[in-house]
């Protein structure tokens, strides 16, 4: 590996700007190429970075020409398998935009390619790097509410995207819910076992399918996680990070997904309704989500540089992806779905 990590950006659409900006001032990594099916978008990315890096539309050729160490994959989910596999076989590490893949089968094939080539494949789950989420995770891990037993998340926003999302099947579950699902795993420190859910398109929806959903997940450690969400709920929106109520054996935490975190625990063991006491919580401060993106990329680069497993490694993140597809399968079959049946776990 070179003294400075050589990064090849694949996919130069709108989402890639966060990736480009995150690497702008990195002392130990820099772009050596930009790849897009539309060469003008690749050239625009190079101009945005004021970079003399190579520009092209043929990934295989660009991998050979740039001798990249890392590929940033910002293509559409349907292309992740092909892009990542080609890059891994060329000896590159890969960090790809969420979701890891468009199917669990493709994700499993990508994991196999990473293992076979001894490379690190990871996913951009930027909400894990929200300082507020990390503060809450640490607060829960310290045992302030005892052992966590239940997590509830509400996500209600009404974005009018236009474009491909408005015709996508199970749009909420497929395109957005993985952020909240992965956050539940992150906060609880537990993994999903089963999913039981439903997806529907309410009257007035401007989406073609599945703009609303409700799912219950059984998790390891006896934990239960419930998700309620809609992408066509006008009025009183939640943050994009969802609103959370987390219940433990000694009390509860409520996080509004932004700056408000409250905790109460039981004070005594007498009475029909027990008395509760407020517990001091960490001070939260809203930060720009672009900083979470940059932090996630920085953490990945650091892991590659020292040979450490990154926090969002694909071998772990496939469990979050499986939650999405288990929820979809449950909604379609009206049955509880075992997560292990999708990931191939024992």
C-alpha atoms as a PDB file:
ATOM      1  CA  UNK A   1       0.000   0.000   0.000  1.00  0.00           C
ATOM      2  CA  UNK A   2       1.225   3.508  -0.786  1.00  0.00           C
ATOM      3  CA  UNK A   3       2.119   6.139   1.825  1.00  0.00           C
ATOM      4  CA  UNK A   4      -1.070   7.975   0.841  1.00  0.00           C
ATOM      5  CA  UNK A   5      -4.236   5.990   0.231  1.00  0.00           C
ATOM      6  CA  UNK A   6      -5.307   6.205  -3.397  1.00  0.00           C
ATOM      7  CA  UNK A   7      -9.096   6.534  -3.631  1.00  0.00           C
ATOM      8  CA  UNK A   8     -11.231   5.923  -6.710  1.00  0.00           C
ATOM      9  CA  UNK A   9     -14.703   7.508  -6.595  1.00  0.00           C
ATOM     10  CA  UNK A  10     -17.287   5.423  -8.480  1.00  0.00           C
ATOM     11  CA  UNK A  11     -20.627   7.148  -9.036  1.00  0.00           C
ATOM     12  CA  UNK A  12     -20.507  10.941  -9.128  1.00  0.00           C
ATOM     13  CA  UNK A  13     -24.152  11.919  -8.634  1.00  0.00           C
ATOM     14  CA  UNK A  14     -25.537  14.255  -5.993  1.00  0.00           C
ATOM     15  CA  UNK A  15     -24.866  11.971  -3.009  1.00  0.00           C
ATOM     16  CA  UNK A  16     -21.171  11.816  -3.898  1.00  0.00           C
ATOM     17  CA  UNK A  17     -20.633  15.474  -2.924  1.00  0.00           C
ATOM     18  CA  UNK A  18     -20.596  14.516   0.766  1.00  0.00           C
ATOM     19  CA  UNK A  19     -17.902  11.941   0.018  1.00  0.00           C
ATOM     20  CA  UNK A  20     -15.864  14.353  -2.088  1.00  0.00           C
ATOM     21  CA  UNK A  21     -15.922  17.038   0.601  1.00  0.00           C
ATOM     22  CA  UNK A  22     -14.993  14.583   3.357  1.00  0.00           C
ATOM     23  CA  UNK A  23     -11.731  13.710   1.633  1.00  0.00           C
ATOM     24  CA  UNK A  24     -10.802  17.215   0.545  1.00  0.00           C
ATOM     25  CA  UNK A  25      -8.312  17.913   3.355  1.00  0.00           C
ATOM     26  CA  UNK A  26      -7.331  14.368   4.336  1.00  0.00           C
ATOM     27  CA  UNK A  27      -3.543  14.219   4.802  1.00  0.00           C
ATOM     28  CA  UNK A  28      -3.289  10.486   4.213  1.00  0.00           C
ATOM     29  CA  UNK A  29      -5.734   9.890   1.338  1.00  0.00           C
ATOM     30  CA  UNK A  30      -6.666  11.500  -1.953  1.00  0.00           C
ATOM     31  CA  UNK A  31      -8.622  10.884  -5.131  1.00  0.00           C
ATOM     32  CA  UNK A  32      -6.797   9.325  -8.049  1.00  0.00           C
ATOM     33  CA  UNK A  33      -9.850   8.896 -10.259  1.00  0.00           C
ATOM     34  CA  UNK A  34     -13.537   9.546 -10.809  1.00  0.00           C
ATOM     35  CA  UNK A  35     -15.811   7.062 -12.595  1.00  0.00           C
ATOM     36  CA  UNK A  36     -19.370   7.595 -13.797  1.00  0.00           C
ATOM     37  CA  UNK A  37     -21.485   6.278 -16.645  1.00  0.00           C
ATOM     38  CA  UNK A  38     -21.912   9.949 -17.556  1.00  0.00           C
ATOM     39  CA  UNK A  39     -18.357  11.266 -18.151  1.00  0.00           C
ATOM     40  CA  UNK A  40     -19.475  14.853 -17.558  1.00  0.00           C
ATOM     41  CA  UNK A  41     -20.498  14.003 -13.995  1.00  0.00           C
ATOM     42  CA  UNK A  42     -17.076  12.464 -13.421  1.00  0.00           C
ATOM     43  CA  UNK A  43     -15.419  15.602 -14.775  1.00  0.00           C
ATOM     44  CA  UNK A  44     -17.654  17.740 -12.562  1.00  0.00           C
ATOM     45  CA  UNK A  45     -16.506  15.754  -9.514  1.00  0.00           C
ATOM     46  CA  UNK A  46     -12.885  16.327 -10.451  1.00  0.00           C
ATOM     47  CA  UNK A  47     -13.542  20.048 -10.838  1.00  0.00           C
ATOM     48  CA  UNK A  48     -15.343  20.142  -7.468  1.00  0.00           C
ATOM     49  CA  UNK A  49     -12.237  18.693  -5.816  1.00  0.00           C
ATOM     50  CA  UNK A  50      -9.853  20.787  -7.924  1.00  0.00           C
ATOM     51  CA  UNK A  51      -8.225  17.425  -8.627  1.00  0.00           C
ATOM     52  CA  UNK A  52      -5.997  16.410 -11.552  1.00  0.00           C
ATOM     53  CA  UNK A  53      -7.141  12.804 -11.058  1.00  0.00           C
ATOM     54  CA  UNK A  54      -8.101  10.607 -13.987  1.00  0.00           C
ATOM     55  CA  UNK A  55     -11.690  10.644 -15.244  1.00  0.00           C
ATOM     56  CA  UNK A  56     -13.520   7.839 -17.046  1.00  0.00           C
ATOM     57  CA  UNK A  57     -16.602   5.691 -17.472  1.00  0.00           C
ATOM     58  CA  UNK A  58     -14.960   2.221 -17.609  1.00  0.00           C
ATOM     59  CA  UNK A  59     -14.416   0.958 -14.064  1.00  0.00           C
ATOM     60  CA  UNK A  60     -12.176  -1.945 -15.023  1.00  0.00           C
ATOM     61  CA  UNK A  61      -9.880   0.305 -17.018  1.00  0.00           C
ATOM     62  CA  UNK A  62      -9.792   2.950 -14.293  1.00  0.00           C
ATOM     63  CA  UNK A  63      -8.891   0.370 -11.648  1.00  0.00           C
ATOM     64  CA  UNK A  64      -5.902  -0.679 -13.749  1.00  0.00           C
ATOM     65  CA  UNK A  65      -4.825   2.872 -14.552  1.00  0.00           C
ATOM     66  CA  UNK A  66      -5.150   4.361 -11.060  1.00  0.00           C
ATOM     67  CA  UNK A  67      -3.885   1.390  -8.976  1.00  0.00           C
ATOM     68  CA  UNK A  68      -6.376   2.504  -6.338  1.00  0.00           C
ATOM     69  CA  UNK A  69      -6.247   1.235  -2.766  1.00  0.00           C
ATOM     70  CA  UNK A  70      -9.874   2.075  -1.956  1.00  0.00           C
ATOM     71  CA  UNK A  71     -13.071   2.419  -3.957  1.00  0.00           C
ATOM     72  CA  UNK A  72     -15.874   4.685  -2.755  1.00  0.00           C
ATOM     73  CA  UNK A  73     -19.038   3.194  -4.272  1.00  0.00           C
ATOM     74  CA  UNK A  74     -21.794   5.784  -4.659  1.00  0.00           C
ATOM     75  CA  UNK A  75     -23.656   3.985  -7.422  1.00  0.00           C
ATOM     76  CA  UNK A  76     -27.306   2.901  -7.202  1.00  0.00           C
ATOM     77  CA  UNK A  77     -27.914  -0.149  -4.958  1.00  0.00           C
ATOM     78  CA  UNK A  78     -28.502  -2.404  -7.974  1.00  0.00           C
ATOM     79  CA  UNK A  79     -24.937  -1.709  -9.116  1.00  0.00           C
ATOM     80  CA  UNK A  80     -23.202  -2.257  -5.759  1.00  0.00           C
ATOM     81  CA  UNK A  81     -22.618  -5.969  -6.286  1.00  0.00           C
ATOM     82  CA  UNK A  82     -20.941  -5.530  -9.670  1.00  0.00           C
ATOM     83  CA  UNK A  83     -18.867  -2.510  -8.661  1.00  0.00           C
ATOM     84  CA  UNK A  84     -17.728  -3.909  -5.328  1.00  0.00           C
ATOM     85  CA  UNK A  85     -16.886  -7.350  -6.688  1.00  0.00           C
ATOM     86  CA  UNK A  86     -14.784  -5.894  -9.498  1.00  0.00           C
ATOM     87  CA  UNK A  87     -12.991  -3.567  -7.083  1.00  0.00           C
ATOM     88  CA  UNK A  88     -12.366  -6.273  -4.475  1.00  0.00           C
ATOM     89  CA  UNK A  89     -10.985  -8.641  -7.097  1.00  0.00           C
ATOM     90  CA  UNK A  90      -8.666  -5.832  -8.218  1.00  0.00           C
ATOM     91  CA  UNK A  91      -7.278  -5.664  -4.683  1.00  0.00           C
ATOM     92  CA  UNK A  92      -9.186  -2.613  -3.472  1.00  0.00           C
ATOM     93  CA  UNK A  93     -10.912  -2.061  -0.181  1.00  0.00           C
ATOM     94  CA  UNK A  94     -14.491  -0.807  -0.659  1.00  0.00           C
ATOM     95  CA  UNK A  95     -16.699   1.606   1.256  1.00  0.00           C
ATOM     96  CA  UNK A  96     -20.146   1.720  -0.258  1.00  0.00           C
ATOM     97  CA  UNK A  97     -23.190   3.907   0.136  1.00  0.00           C
ATOM     98  CA  UNK A  98     -26.118   2.371   2.004  1.00  0.00           C
ATOM     99  CA  UNK A  99     -27.752  -0.009   1.510  1.00  0.00           C
ATOM    100  CA  UNK A 100     -25.011  -2.570   1.067  1.00  0.00           C
ATOM    101  CA  UNK A 101     -26.898  -4.215  -1.807  1.00  0.00           C
ATOM    102  CA  UNK A 102     -30.289  -4.485  -3.437  1.00  0.00           C
ATOM    103  CA  UNK A 103     -30.755  -8.059  -2.197  1.00  0.00           C
ATOM    104  CA  UNK A 104     -29.356 -10.093   0.675  1.00  0.00           C
ATOM    105  CA  UNK A 105     -28.074 -12.668  -1.852  1.00  0.00           C
ATOM    106  CA  UNK A 106     -26.001  -9.975  -3.575  1.00  0.00           C
ATOM    107  CA  UNK A 107     -24.714  -8.790  -0.208  1.00  0.00           C
ATOM    108  CA  UNK A 108     -23.625 -12.313   0.709  1.00  0.00           C
ATOM    109  CA  UNK A 109     -21.775 -12.615  -2.610  1.00  0.00           C
ATOM    110  CA  UNK A 110     -20.013  -9.311  -1.903  1.00  0.00           C
ATOM    111  CA  UNK A 111     -18.942 -10.558   1.522  1.00  0.00           C
ATOM    112  CA  UNK A 112     -17.559 -13.712  -0.075  1.00  0.00           C
ATOM    113  CA  UNK A 113     -15.559 -11.624  -2.564  1.00  0.00           C
ATOM    114  CA  UNK A 114     -14.126  -9.486   0.243  1.00  0.00           C
ATOM    115  CA  UNK A 115     -13.078 -12.581   2.207  1.00  0.00           C
ATOM    116  CA  UNK A 116     -11.595 -14.314  -0.826  1.00  0.00           C
ATOM    117  CA  UNK A 117      -9.458 -11.278  -1.659  1.00  0.00           C
ATOM    118  CA  UNK A 118      -8.547 -10.289   1.887  1.00  0.00           C
ATOM    119  CA  UNK A 119     -10.062  -6.824   1.505  1.00  0.00           C
ATOM    120  CA  UNK A 120     -12.258  -4.713   3.800  1.00  0.00           C
ATOM    121  CA  UNK A 121     -15.841  -4.059   2.665  1.00  0.00           C
ATOM    122  CA  UNK A 122     -17.896  -1.609   4.717  1.00  0.00           C
ATOM    123  CA  UNK A 123     -21.058   0.495   4.457  1.00  0.00           C
ATOM    124  CA  UNK A 124     -21.863   4.172   4.933  1.00  0.00           C
ATOM    125  CA  UNK A 125     -24.118   4.082   8.019  1.00  0.00           C
ATOM    126  CA  UNK A 126     -23.469   7.706   8.914  1.00  0.00           C
ATOM    127  CA  UNK A 127     -26.030   7.934  11.736  1.00  0.00           C
ATOM    128  CA  UNK A 128     -23.790   5.782  13.900  1.00  0.00           C
ATOM    129  CA  UNK A 129     -21.464   8.783  13.935  1.00  0.00           C
ATOM    130  CA  UNK A 130     -24.042  11.291  15.143  1.00  0.00           C
ATOM    131  CA  UNK A 131     -22.495  12.460  18.456  1.00  0.00           C
ATOM    132  CA  UNK A 132     -25.949  12.447  20.063  1.00  0.00           C
ATOM    133  CA  UNK A 133     -26.583   8.830  19.113  1.00  0.00           C
ATOM    134  CA  UNK A 134     -23.168   7.878  20.418  1.00  0.00           C
ATOM    135  CA  UNK A 135     -23.808   9.711  23.697  1.00  0.00           C
ATOM    136  CA  UNK A 136     -27.118   7.871  24.115  1.00  0.00           C
ATOM    137  CA  UNK A 137     -25.484   4.523  23.310  1.00  0.00           C
ATOM    138  CA  UNK A 138     -22.851   5.145  25.984  1.00  0.00           C
ATOM    139  CA  UNK A 139     -25.520   6.284  28.474  1.00  0.00           C
ATOM    140  CA  UNK A 140     -27.462   3.058  27.968  1.00  0.00           C
ATOM    141  CA  UNK A 141     -24.323   0.926  28.160  1.00  0.00           C
ATOM    142  CA  UNK A 142     -23.513   2.514  31.541  1.00  0.00           C
ATOM    143  CA  UNK A 143     -26.679   0.876  32.926  1.00  0.00           C
ATOM    144  CA  UNK A 144     -28.572   4.004  33.965  1.00  0.00           C
ATOM    145  CA  UNK A 145     -31.925   2.345  33.129  1.00  0.00           C
ATOM    146  CA  UNK A 146     -30.766  -1.156  33.935  1.00  0.00           C
ATOM    147  CA  UNK A 147     -30.780  -3.712  31.156  1.00  0.00           C
ATOM    148  CA  UNK A 148     -32.459  -2.496  27.966  1.00  0.00           C
ATOM    149  CA  UNK A 149     -35.540  -4.583  27.179  1.00  0.00           C
ATOM    150  CA  UNK A 150     -37.468  -2.595  24.563  1.00  0.00           C
ATOM    151  CA  UNK A 151     -36.866   0.066  21.928  1.00  0.00           C
ATOM    152  CA  UNK A 152     -39.592   2.020  20.123  1.00  0.00           C
ATOM    153  CA  UNK A 153     -38.850   4.289  17.158  1.00  0.00           C
ATOM    154  CA  UNK A 154     -41.242   6.635  15.338  1.00  0.00           C
ATOM    155  CA  UNK A 155     -40.385   8.100  11.931  1.00  0.00           C
ATOM    156  CA  UNK A 156     -42.952  10.444  10.359  1.00  0.00           C
ATOM    157  CA  UNK A 157     -41.866  12.804   7.576  1.00  0.00           C
ATOM    158  CA  UNK A 158     -43.481  13.836   4.287  1.00  0.00           C
ATOM    159  CA  UNK A 159     -40.759  14.426   1.659  1.00  0.00           C
ATOM    160  CA  UNK A 160     -41.809  15.099  -1.934  1.00  0.00           C
ATOM    161  CA  UNK A 161     -38.767  13.712  -3.713  1.00  0.00           C
ATOM    162  CA  UNK A 162     -40.171  13.183  -7.171  1.00  0.00           C
ATOM    163  CA  UNK A 163     -38.253  10.733  -9.332  1.00  0.00           C
ATOM    164  CA  UNK A 164     -37.623   7.024  -8.808  1.00  0.00           C
ATOM    165  CA  UNK A 165     -38.700   6.803  -5.145  1.00  0.00           C
ATOM    166  CA  UNK A 166     -42.301   7.617  -5.973  1.00  0.00           C
ATOM    167  CA  UNK A 167     -42.630   4.418  -8.025  1.00  0.00           C
ATOM    168  CA  UNK A 168     -40.535   2.135  -5.788  1.00  0.00           C
ATOM    169  CA  UNK A 169     -42.175  -0.847  -4.081  1.00  0.00           C
ATOM    170  CA  UNK A 170     -42.051  -0.762  -0.263  1.00  0.00           C
ATOM    171  CA  UNK A 171     -40.388   2.636  -0.618  1.00  0.00           C
ATOM    172  CA  UNK A 172     -40.124   3.439   3.096  1.00  0.00           C
ATOM    173  CA  UNK A 173     -38.717   0.072   4.105  1.00  0.00           C
ATOM    174  CA  UNK A 174     -36.463  -0.314   1.084  1.00  0.00           C
ATOM    175  CA  UNK A 175     -35.014   3.196   0.846  1.00  0.00           C
ATOM    176  CA  UNK A 176     -34.995   4.692   4.352  1.00  0.00           C
ATOM    177  CA  UNK A 177     -35.798   2.317   7.207  1.00  0.00           C
ATOM    178  CA  UNK A 178     -32.328   0.751   7.325  1.00  0.00           C
ATOM    179  CA  UNK A 179     -31.068   3.896   9.080  1.00  0.00           C
ATOM    180  CA  UNK A 180     -33.475   3.383  11.983  1.00  0.00           C
ATOM    181  CA  UNK A 181     -33.054  -0.392  11.980  1.00  0.00           C
ATOM    182  CA  UNK A 182     -29.281  -0.081  12.156  1.00  0.00           C
ATOM    183  CA  UNK A 183     -29.608   2.543  14.904  1.00  0.00           C
ATOM    184  CA  UNK A 184     -31.657   0.106  16.990  1.00  0.00           C
ATOM    185  CA  UNK A 185     -28.871  -2.467  16.731  1.00  0.00           C
ATOM    186  CA  UNK A 186     -26.308   0.204  17.557  1.00  0.00           C
ATOM    187  CA  UNK A 187     -28.158   1.551  20.600  1.00  0.00           C
ATOM    188  CA  UNK A 188     -29.145  -1.812  22.073  1.00  0.00           C
ATOM    189  CA  UNK A 189     -25.988  -3.721  21.212  1.00  0.00           C
ATOM    190  CA  UNK A 190     -28.181  -6.601  20.092  1.00  0.00           C
ATOM    191  CA  UNK A 191     -28.908  -8.354  16.789  1.00  0.00           C
ATOM    192  CA  UNK A 192     -32.235  -9.126  15.081  1.00  0.00           C
ATOM    193  CA  UNK A 193     -33.795 -12.571  15.188  1.00  0.00           C
ATOM    194  CA  UNK A 194     -37.257 -12.212  13.611  1.00  0.00           C
ATOM    195  CA  UNK A 195     -39.438  -9.610  11.900  1.00  0.00           C
ATOM    196  CA  UNK A 196     -43.216  -9.287  11.840  1.00  0.00           C
ATOM    197  CA  UNK A 197     -44.583  -6.319   9.957  1.00  0.00           C
ATOM    198  CA  UNK A 198     -46.896  -4.683   7.495  1.00  0.00           C
ATOM    199  CA  UNK A 199     -46.502  -2.044   4.799  1.00  0.00           C
ATOM    200  CA  UNK A 200     -49.278   0.006   3.221  1.00  0.00           C
ATOM    201  CA  UNK A 201     -49.974   3.069   1.117  1.00  0.00           C
ATOM    202  CA  UNK A 202     -52.473   5.382   2.832  1.00  0.00           C
ATOM    203  CA  UNK A 203     -55.019   7.534   1.075  1.00  0.00           C
ATOM    204  CA  UNK A 204     -53.448  10.747  -0.120  1.00  0.00           C
ATOM    205  CA  UNK A 205     -49.994   9.215  -0.581  1.00  0.00           C
ATOM    206  CA  UNK A 206     -48.008  10.531  -3.544  1.00  0.00           C
ATOM    207  CA  UNK A 207     -46.011   7.324  -3.606  1.00  0.00           C
ATOM    208  CA  UNK A 208     -47.063   4.281  -5.624  1.00  0.00           C
ATOM    209  CA  UNK A 209     -46.429   1.689  -2.923  1.00  0.00           C
ATOM    210  CA  UNK A 210     -45.589   1.181   0.732  1.00  0.00           C
ATOM    211  CA  UNK A 211     -45.132   4.721   2.035  1.00  0.00           C
ATOM    212  CA  UNK A 212     -46.038   3.579   5.569  1.00  0.00           C
ATOM    213  CA  UNK A 213     -44.931   0.601   7.660  1.00  0.00           C
ATOM    214  CA  UNK A 214     -45.013  -0.923  11.128  1.00  0.00           C
ATOM    215  CA  UNK A 215     -42.602  -3.689  12.147  1.00  0.00           C
ATOM    216  CA  UNK A 216     -41.791  -5.566  15.334  1.00  0.00           C
ATOM    217  CA  UNK A 217     -38.374  -7.213  15.653  1.00  0.00           C
ATOM    218  CA  UNK A 218     -37.386  -9.819  18.217  1.00  0.00           C
ATOM    219  CA  UNK A 219     -33.697  -9.412  19.042  1.00  0.00           C
ATOM    220  CA  UNK A 220     -31.022 -11.216  20.970  1.00  0.00           C
ATOM    221  CA  UNK A 221     -30.969 -10.740  24.724  1.00  0.00           C
ATOM    222  CA  UNK A 222     -34.775 -10.844  24.866  1.00  0.00           C
ATOM    223  CA  UNK A 223     -34.949  -7.297  23.439  1.00  0.00           C
ATOM    224  CA  UNK A 224     -37.924  -6.197  21.318  1.00  0.00           C
ATOM    225  CA  UNK A 225     -37.727  -3.303  18.836  1.00  0.00           C
ATOM    226  CA  UNK A 226     -40.798  -1.708  17.272  1.00  0.00           C
ATOM    227  CA  UNK A 227     -40.771   0.648  14.300  1.00  0.00           C
ATOM    228  CA  UNK A 228     -43.604   2.878  13.094  1.00  0.00           C
ATOM    229  CA  UNK A 229     -43.050   5.091  10.091  1.00  0.00           C
ATOM    230  CA  UNK A 230     -44.463   7.017   7.167  1.00  0.00           C
ATOM    231  CA  UNK A 231     -43.099   9.062   4.301  1.00  0.00           C
ATOM    232  CA  UNK A 232     -46.438  10.730   3.631  1.00  0.00           C
ATOM    233  CA  UNK A 233     -47.395  11.998   7.107  1.00  0.00           C
ATOM    234  CA  UNK A 234     -47.917  15.743   6.760  1.00  0.00           C
ATOM    235  CA  UNK A 235     -47.621  17.782   9.939  1.00  0.00           C
ATOM    236  CA  UNK A 236     -45.717  17.339  13.220  1.00  0.00           C
ATOM    237  CA  UNK A 237     -42.691  15.680  11.603  1.00  0.00           C
ATOM    238  CA  UNK A 238     -40.125  13.707  13.543  1.00  0.00           C
ATOM    239  CA  UNK A 239     -36.433  14.242  12.891  1.00  0.00           C
ATOM    240  CA  UNK A 240     -34.871  12.069  10.193  1.00  0.00           C
ATOM    241  CA  UNK A 241     -33.176  10.245  13.055  1.00  0.00           C
ATOM    242  CA  UNK A 242     -36.605   9.165  14.435  1.00  0.00           C
ATOM    243  CA  UNK A 243     -37.998   9.708  17.928  1.00  0.00           C
ATOM    244  CA  UNK A 244     -37.082   7.044  20.483  1.00  0.00           C
ATOM    245  CA  UNK A 245     -38.433   5.581  23.721  1.00  0.00           C
ATOM    246  CA  UNK A 246     -36.102   3.022  25.266  1.00  0.00           C
ATOM    247  CA  UNK A 247     -37.255   0.954  28.230  1.00  0.00           C
ATOM    248  CA  UNK A 248     -34.995  -0.802  30.708  1.00  0.00           C
ATOM    249  CA  UNK A 249     -35.433  -2.858  33.842  1.00  0.00           C
ATOM    250  CA  UNK A 250     -35.015   0.245  36.043  1.00  0.00           C
ATOM    251  CA  UNK A 251     -36.460   3.073  33.958  1.00  0.00           C
ATOM    252  CA  UNK A 252     -36.876   4.696  30.557  1.00  0.00           C
ATOM    253  CA  UNK A 253     -35.154   7.129  28.205  1.00  0.00           C
ATOM    254  CA  UNK A 254     -36.899   9.351  25.671  1.00  0.00           C
ATOM    255  CA  UNK A 255     -34.818  10.893  22.865  1.00  0.00           C
ATOM    256  CA  UNK A 256     -36.432  13.221  20.355  1.00  0.00           C
ATOM    257  CA  UNK A 257     -33.785  12.384  17.759  1.00  0.00           C
ATOM    258  CA  UNK A 258     -32.260  15.837  18.171  1.00  0.00           C
ATOM    259  CA  UNK A 259     -31.203  17.752  21.302  1.00  0.00           C
ATOM    260  CA  UNK A 260     -33.685  16.518  23.929  1.00  0.00           C
ATOM    261  CA  UNK A 261     -32.822  13.491  26.055  1.00  0.00           C
ATOM    262  CA  UNK A 262     -34.798  12.669  29.217  1.00  0.00           C
ATOM    263  CA  UNK A 263     -34.506   9.786  31.659  1.00  0.00           C
ATOM    264  CA  UNK A 264     -36.516   8.610  34.644  1.00  0.00           C
ATOM    265  CA  UNK A 265     -35.880   5.602  36.858  1.00  0.00           C
ATOM    266  CA  UNK A 266     -37.915   3.948  39.560  1.00  0.00           C
ATOM    267  CA  UNK A 267     -37.244   5.437  43.009  1.00  0.00           C
ATOM    268  CA  UNK A 268     -38.687   2.765  45.284  1.00  0.00           C
ATOM    269  CA  UNK A 269     -40.454  -0.585  45.247  1.00  0.00           C
ATOM    270  CA  UNK A 270     -43.727   0.370  46.906  1.00  0.00           C
ATOM    271  CA  UNK A 271     -47.142   1.542  45.712  1.00  0.00           C
ATOM    272  CA  UNK A 272     -49.537   0.809  42.856  1.00  0.00           C
ATOM    273  CA  UNK A 273     -47.569   3.168  40.598  1.00  0.00           C
ATOM    274  CA  UNK A 274     -43.960   3.490  41.676  1.00  0.00           C
ATOM    275  CA  UNK A 275     -42.378   6.892  42.204  1.00  0.00           C
ATOM    276  CA  UNK A 276     -39.816   7.975  39.628  1.00  0.00           C
ATOM    277  CA  UNK A 277     -36.772  10.198  39.730  1.00  0.00           C
ATOM    278  CA  UNK A 278     -35.155  12.119  36.914  1.00  0.00           C
ATOM    279  CA  UNK A 279     -31.604  11.133  36.036  1.00  0.00           C
ATOM    280  CA  UNK A 280     -29.090  13.622  34.612  1.00  0.00           C
ATOM    281  CA  UNK A 281     -28.390  12.893  30.962  1.00  0.00           C
ATOM    282  CA  UNK A 282     -25.597  13.933  28.610  1.00  0.00           C
ATOM    283  CA  UNK A 283     -25.925  17.380  27.039  1.00  0.00           C
ATOM    284  CA  UNK A 284     -26.830  16.979  23.387  1.00  0.00           C
ATOM    285  CA  UNK A 285     -26.019  19.376  20.586  1.00  0.00           C
ATOM    286  CA  UNK A 286     -27.315  19.253  17.043  1.00  0.00           C
ATOM    287  CA  UNK A 287     -24.574  18.830  14.443  1.00  0.00           C
ATOM    288  CA  UNK A 288     -24.608  18.926  10.661  1.00  0.00           C
ATOM    289  CA  UNK A 289     -25.146  15.462   9.192  1.00  0.00           C
ATOM    290  CA  UNK A 290     -22.307  16.168   6.742  1.00  0.00           C
ATOM    291  CA  UNK A 291     -19.983  15.893   9.744  1.00  0.00           C
ATOM    292  CA  UNK A 292     -21.326  12.414  10.508  1.00  0.00           C
ATOM    293  CA  UNK A 293     -20.590  11.444   6.914  1.00  0.00           C
ATOM    294  CA  UNK A 294     -17.056  12.762   7.192  1.00  0.00           C
ATOM    295  CA  UNK A 295     -16.579  11.002  10.533  1.00  0.00           C
ATOM    296  CA  UNK A 296     -17.723   7.692   9.060  1.00  0.00           C
ATOM    297  CA  UNK A 297     -15.271   8.024   6.177  1.00  0.00           C
ATOM    298  CA  UNK A 298     -12.468   9.040   8.524  1.00  0.00           C
ATOM    299  CA  UNK A 299     -13.134   6.028  10.748  1.00  0.00           C
ATOM    300  CA  UNK A 300     -13.032   3.734   7.704  1.00  0.00           C
ATOM    301  CA  UNK A 301      -9.752   5.198   6.441  1.00  0.00           C
ATOM    302  CA  UNK A 302      -8.201   4.858   9.896  1.00  0.00           C
ATOM    303  CA  UNK A 303      -9.300   1.220  10.081  1.00  0.00           C
ATOM    304  CA  UNK A 304      -7.782   0.419   6.674  1.00  0.00           C
ATOM    305  CA  UNK A 305      -4.532   2.191   7.539  1.00  0.00           C
ATOM    306  CA  UNK A 306      -3.954   0.161  10.708  1.00  0.00           C
ATOM    307  CA  UNK A 307      -5.620  -3.085   9.603  1.00  0.00           C
ATOM    308  CA  UNK A 308      -8.498  -2.797  12.060  1.00  0.00           C
ATOM    309  CA  UNK A 309     -12.076  -3.945  11.427  1.00  0.00           C
ATOM    310  CA  UNK A 310     -14.241  -0.847  10.826  1.00  0.00           C
ATOM    311  CA  UNK A 311     -17.410  -0.312  12.832  1.00  0.00           C
ATOM    312  CA  UNK A 312     -19.648  -0.575   9.766  1.00  0.00           C
ATOM    313  CA  UNK A 313     -17.952  -3.622   8.243  1.00  0.00           C
ATOM    314  CA  UNK A 314     -20.258  -5.454   5.854  1.00  0.00           C
ATOM    315  CA  UNK A 315     -20.082  -8.734   7.772  1.00  0.00           C
ATOM    316  CA  UNK A 316     -21.923  -6.908  10.562  1.00  0.00           C
ATOM    317  CA  UNK A 317     -24.055  -4.562   8.468  1.00  0.00           C
ATOM    318  CA  UNK A 318     -25.670  -7.412   6.549  1.00  0.00           C
ATOM    319  CA  UNK A 319     -27.760  -7.954   9.687  1.00  0.00           C
ATOM    320  CA  UNK A 320     -29.237  -4.464   9.311  1.00  0.00           C
ATOM    321  CA  UNK A 321     -29.853  -5.085   5.598  1.00  0.00           C
ATOM    322  CA  UNK A 322     -31.552  -8.382   6.442  1.00  0.00           C
ATOM    323  CA  UNK A 323     -33.937  -6.508   8.756  1.00  0.00           C
ATOM    324  CA  UNK A 324     -35.154  -4.535   5.731  1.00  0.00           C
ATOM    325  CA  UNK A 325     -35.793  -7.554   3.577  1.00  0.00           C
ATOM    326  CA  UNK A 326     -37.267  -9.587   6.432  1.00  0.00           C
ATOM    327  CA  UNK A 327     -39.716  -6.734   7.072  1.00  0.00           C
ATOM    328  CA  UNK A 328     -40.645  -6.650   3.383  1.00  0.00           C
ATOM    329  CA  UNK A 329     -41.086 -10.422   3.238  1.00  0.00           C
ATOM    330  CA  UNK A 330     -43.235 -10.337   6.353  1.00  0.00           C
ATOM    331  CA  UNK A 331     -45.388  -7.561   4.912  1.00  0.00           C
ATOM    332  CA  UNK A 332     -45.924  -9.573   1.743  1.00  0.00           C
ATOM    333  CA  UNK A 333     -46.538 -12.963   3.360  1.00  0.00           C
ATOM    334  CA  UNK A 334     -48.199 -11.839   6.624  1.00  0.00           C
ATOM    335  CA  UNK A 335     -45.866 -14.157   8.517  1.00  0.00           C
ATOM    336  CA  UNK A 336     -43.041 -13.801  10.989  1.00  0.00           C
ATOM    337  CA  UNK A 337     -39.694 -14.076   9.173  1.00  0.00           C
ATOM    338  CA  UNK A 338     -36.491 -15.471  10.665  1.00  0.00           C
ATOM    339  CA  UNK A 339     -33.559 -13.141   9.976  1.00  0.00           C
ATOM    340  CA  UNK A 340     -31.021 -15.993   9.975  1.00  0.00           C
ATOM    341  CA  UNK A 341     -32.813 -17.535   7.005  1.00  0.00           C
ATOM    342  CA  UNK A 342     -31.757 -14.491   4.972  1.00  0.00           C
ATOM    343  CA  UNK A 343     -28.191 -13.952   6.198  1.00  0.00           C
ATOM    344  CA  UNK A 344     -27.254 -17.626   6.171  1.00  0.00           C
ATOM    345  CA  UNK A 345     -26.278 -17.438   9.849  1.00  0.00           C
ATOM    346  CA  UNK A 346     -26.416 -20.606  11.865  1.00  0.00           C
END
